[in-house]
C-alpha atoms as a PDB file:
ATOM      1  CA  UNK A   1       7.141   7.705 -10.709  1.00  0.00           C
ATOM      2  CA  UNK A   2       9.282   9.555 -13.224  1.00  0.00           C
ATOM      3  CA  UNK A   3       9.396   8.819 -16.953  1.00  0.00           C
ATOM      4  CA  UNK A   4      12.844   8.262 -18.391  1.00  0.00           C
ATOM      5  CA  UNK A   5      14.065   9.183 -21.888  1.00  0.00           C
ATOM      6  CA  UNK A   6      17.215   7.407 -23.034  1.00  0.00           C
ATOM      7  CA  UNK A   7      19.723   7.880 -25.848  1.00  0.00           C
ATOM      8  CA  UNK A   8      20.783   5.175 -28.292  1.00  0.00           C
ATOM      9  CA  UNK A   9      23.408   3.935 -25.822  1.00  0.00           C
ATOM     10  CA  UNK A  10      20.850   3.490 -23.001  1.00  0.00           C
ATOM     11  CA  UNK A  11      21.905   6.542 -21.008  1.00  0.00           C
ATOM     12  CA  UNK A  12      19.331   8.861 -19.481  1.00  0.00           C
ATOM     13  CA  UNK A  13      18.980  12.106 -21.450  1.00  0.00           C
ATOM     14  CA  UNK A  14      15.775  13.445 -19.893  1.00  0.00           C
ATOM     15  CA  UNK A  15      13.382  12.910 -17.015  1.00  0.00           C
ATOM     16  CA  UNK A  16       9.690  13.771 -17.284  1.00  0.00           C
ATOM     17  CA  UNK A  17       6.785  13.802 -14.834  1.00  0.00           C
ATOM     18  CA  UNK A  18       4.387  12.354 -17.396  1.00  0.00           C
ATOM     19  CA  UNK A  19       4.828   9.827 -20.233  1.00  0.00           C
ATOM     20  CA  UNK A  20       6.137  11.086 -23.563  1.00  0.00           C
ATOM     21  CA  UNK A  21       6.617   9.465 -26.965  1.00  0.00           C
ATOM     22  CA  UNK A  22      10.278   8.661 -26.167  1.00  0.00           C
ATOM     23  CA  UNK A  23       9.831   8.308 -22.426  1.00  0.00           C
ATOM     24  CA  UNK A  24       7.649   5.412 -21.318  1.00  0.00           C
ATOM     25  CA  UNK A  25      10.080   3.728 -18.892  1.00  0.00           C
ATOM     26  CA  UNK A  26       9.302   4.533 -15.281  1.00  0.00           C
ATOM     27  CA  UNK A  27      11.596   4.737 -12.286  1.00  0.00           C
ATOM     28  CA  UNK A  28      11.033   5.845  -8.692  1.00  0.00           C
ATOM     29  CA  UNK A  29      12.406   9.265  -7.811  1.00  0.00           C
ATOM     30  CA  UNK A  30      15.030   7.845  -5.430  1.00  0.00           C
ATOM     31  CA  UNK A  31      16.555   5.550  -8.087  1.00  0.00           C
ATOM     32  CA  UNK A  32      20.368   5.702  -8.127  1.00  0.00           C
ATOM     33  CA  UNK A  33      20.492   6.136 -11.901  1.00  0.00           C
ATOM     34  CA  UNK A  34      18.205   9.185 -11.664  1.00  0.00           C
ATOM     35  CA  UNK A  35      20.304  10.697  -8.831  1.00  0.00           C
ATOM     36  CA  UNK A  36      23.477  10.115 -10.886  1.00  0.00           C
ATOM     37  CA  UNK A  37      21.894  11.807 -13.930  1.00  0.00           C
ATOM     38  CA  UNK A  38      20.871  14.816 -11.822  1.00  0.00           C
ATOM     39  CA  UNK A  39      24.338  15.012 -10.284  1.00  0.00           C
ATOM     40  CA  UNK A  40      25.801  15.309 -13.790  1.00  0.00           C
ATOM     41  CA  UNK A  41      23.285  17.754 -15.244  1.00  0.00           C
ATOM     42  CA  UNK A  42      22.378  20.201 -12.521  1.00  0.00           C
ATOM     43  CA  UNK A  43      24.143  22.324  -9.965  1.00  0.00           C
ATOM     44  CA  UNK A  44      21.294  21.831  -7.477  1.00  0.00           C
ATOM     45  CA  UNK A  45      21.450  19.070  -4.867  1.00  0.00           C
ATOM     46  CA  UNK A  46      19.608  16.227  -6.636  1.00  0.00           C
ATOM     47  CA  UNK A  47      18.179  14.829  -3.450  1.00  0.00           C
ATOM     48  CA  UNK A  48      16.688  18.206  -2.542  1.00  0.00           C
ATOM     49  CA  UNK A  49      15.289  18.474  -6.069  1.00  0.00           C
ATOM     50  CA  UNK A  50      13.714  15.028  -5.851  1.00  0.00           C
ATOM     51  CA  UNK A  51      12.339  15.844  -2.402  1.00  0.00           C
ATOM     52  CA  UNK A  52      10.734  18.975  -3.795  1.00  0.00           C
ATOM     53  CA  UNK A  53       9.142  16.931  -6.596  1.00  0.00           C
ATOM     54  CA  UNK A  54       7.818  14.417  -4.105  1.00  0.00           C
ATOM     55  CA  UNK A  55       6.390  17.220  -1.933  1.00  0.00           C
ATOM     56  CA  UNK A  56       4.089  18.178  -4.759  1.00  0.00           C
ATOM     57  CA  UNK A  57       2.920  14.595  -5.048  1.00  0.00           C
ATOM     58  CA  UNK A  58       2.455  14.301  -1.306  1.00  0.00           C
ATOM     59  CA  UNK A  59       0.234  17.401  -1.293  1.00  0.00           C
ATOM     60  CA  UNK A  60      -2.042  15.826  -3.873  1.00  0.00           C
ATOM     61  CA  UNK A  61      -2.069  12.571  -1.910  1.00  0.00           C
ATOM     62  CA  UNK A  62      -3.114  14.383   1.289  1.00  0.00           C
ATOM     63  CA  UNK A  63      -5.887  16.148  -0.620  1.00  0.00           C
ATOM     64  CA  UNK A  64      -7.144  12.852  -1.989  1.00  0.00           C
ATOM     65  CA  UNK A  65      -7.022  11.277   1.480  1.00  0.00           C
ATOM     66  CA  UNK A  66      -9.018  14.177   2.968  1.00  0.00           C
ATOM     67  CA  UNK A  67     -11.606  13.826   0.188  1.00  0.00           C
ATOM     68  CA  UNK A  68     -11.846  10.077   0.829  1.00  0.00           C
ATOM     69  CA  UNK A  69     -12.246  10.578   4.588  1.00  0.00           C
ATOM     70  CA  UNK A  70     -14.985  13.100   3.993  1.00  0.00           C
ATOM     71  CA  UNK A  71     -16.841  10.882   1.500  1.00  0.00           C
ATOM     72  CA  UNK A  72     -16.733   7.997   3.993  1.00  0.00           C
ATOM     73  CA  UNK A  73     -17.993  10.297   6.788  1.00  0.00           C
ATOM     74  CA  UNK A  74     -14.881   9.618   8.889  1.00  0.00           C
ATOM     75  CA  UNK A  75     -14.254  13.346   9.166  1.00  0.00           C
ATOM     76  CA  UNK A  76     -16.758  16.161   8.659  1.00  0.00           C
ATOM     77  CA  UNK A  77     -15.641  18.918   6.290  1.00  0.00           C
ATOM     78  CA  UNK A  78     -17.205  21.662   8.408  1.00  0.00           C
ATOM     79  CA  UNK A  79     -15.211  20.509  11.427  1.00  0.00           C
ATOM     80  CA  UNK A  80     -11.983  21.369   9.681  1.00  0.00           C
ATOM     81  CA  UNK A  81     -10.557  24.789  10.585  1.00  0.00           C
ATOM     82  CA  UNK A  82     -11.973  27.542   8.321  1.00  0.00           C
ATOM     83  CA  UNK A  83      -8.491  28.215   6.909  1.00  0.00           C
ATOM     84  CA  UNK A  84      -8.092  24.544   5.958  1.00  0.00           C
ATOM     85  CA  UNK A  85     -11.563  24.564   4.337  1.00  0.00           C
ATOM     86  CA  UNK A  86     -10.639  27.616   2.266  1.00  0.00           C
ATOM     87  CA  UNK A  87      -7.336  26.062   1.161  1.00  0.00           C
ATOM     88  CA  UNK A  88      -9.147  22.882   0.067  1.00  0.00           C
ATOM     89  CA  UNK A  89     -11.811  24.884  -1.798  1.00  0.00           C
ATOM     90  CA  UNK A  90      -9.129  26.983  -3.523  1.00  0.00           C
ATOM     91  CA  UNK A  91      -7.193  23.921  -4.695  1.00  0.00           C
ATOM     92  CA  UNK A  92     -10.409  22.179  -5.825  1.00  0.00           C
ATOM     93  CA  UNK A  93     -11.349  25.260  -7.918  1.00  0.00           C
ATOM     94  CA  UNK A  94      -7.844  25.368  -9.438  1.00  0.00           C
ATOM     95  CA  UNK A  95      -7.904  21.678 -10.308  1.00  0.00           C
ATOM     96  CA  UNK A  96     -11.310  22.082 -11.959  1.00  0.00           C
ATOM     97  CA  UNK A  97      -9.827  24.673 -14.298  1.00  0.00           C
ATOM     98  CA  UNK A  98      -7.268  22.202 -15.564  1.00  0.00           C
ATOM     99  CA  UNK A  99      -8.623  20.563 -18.705  1.00  0.00           C
ATOM    100  CA  UNK A 100      -7.031  17.145 -18.176  1.00  0.00           C
ATOM    101  CA  UNK A 101      -8.359  15.335 -15.107  1.00  0.00           C
ATOM    102  CA  UNK A 102      -6.483  12.075 -15.914  1.00  0.00           C
ATOM    103  CA  UNK A 103      -3.740  12.611 -13.353  1.00  0.00           C
ATOM    104  CA  UNK A 104      -3.684  10.005 -10.619  1.00  0.00           C
ATOM    105  CA  UNK A 105      -1.763   9.733  -7.371  1.00  0.00           C
ATOM    106  CA  UNK A 106       0.452   7.059  -8.962  1.00  0.00           C
ATOM    107  CA  UNK A 107       1.415   9.499 -11.735  1.00  0.00           C
ATOM    108  CA  UNK A 108       2.547  11.988  -9.126  1.00  0.00           C
ATOM    109  CA  UNK A 109       4.417   9.627  -6.856  1.00  0.00           C
END
């Protein structure tokens, strides 16, 4: 979900990935109003931009699913290819360095 900031006339003036003081309204990334706003404010293809944003969320979702499958003993971590294990360890270490751990999958998607 994306957080929308509006002007006094109700038009979108900014889009954020997390809530802000003036941006508590949420909309899905594929919302027509968001696409229209991006068409007006950027030279990039708005659908490609939104796809890129959703890719980041999907990566986190896949990581969370892998963690869940490991915790439930559906897959065994050591059976993953060594390269995959290293990538997961690297991302886990990076996430641990981030001070705020309040981000959830719903915030990303």
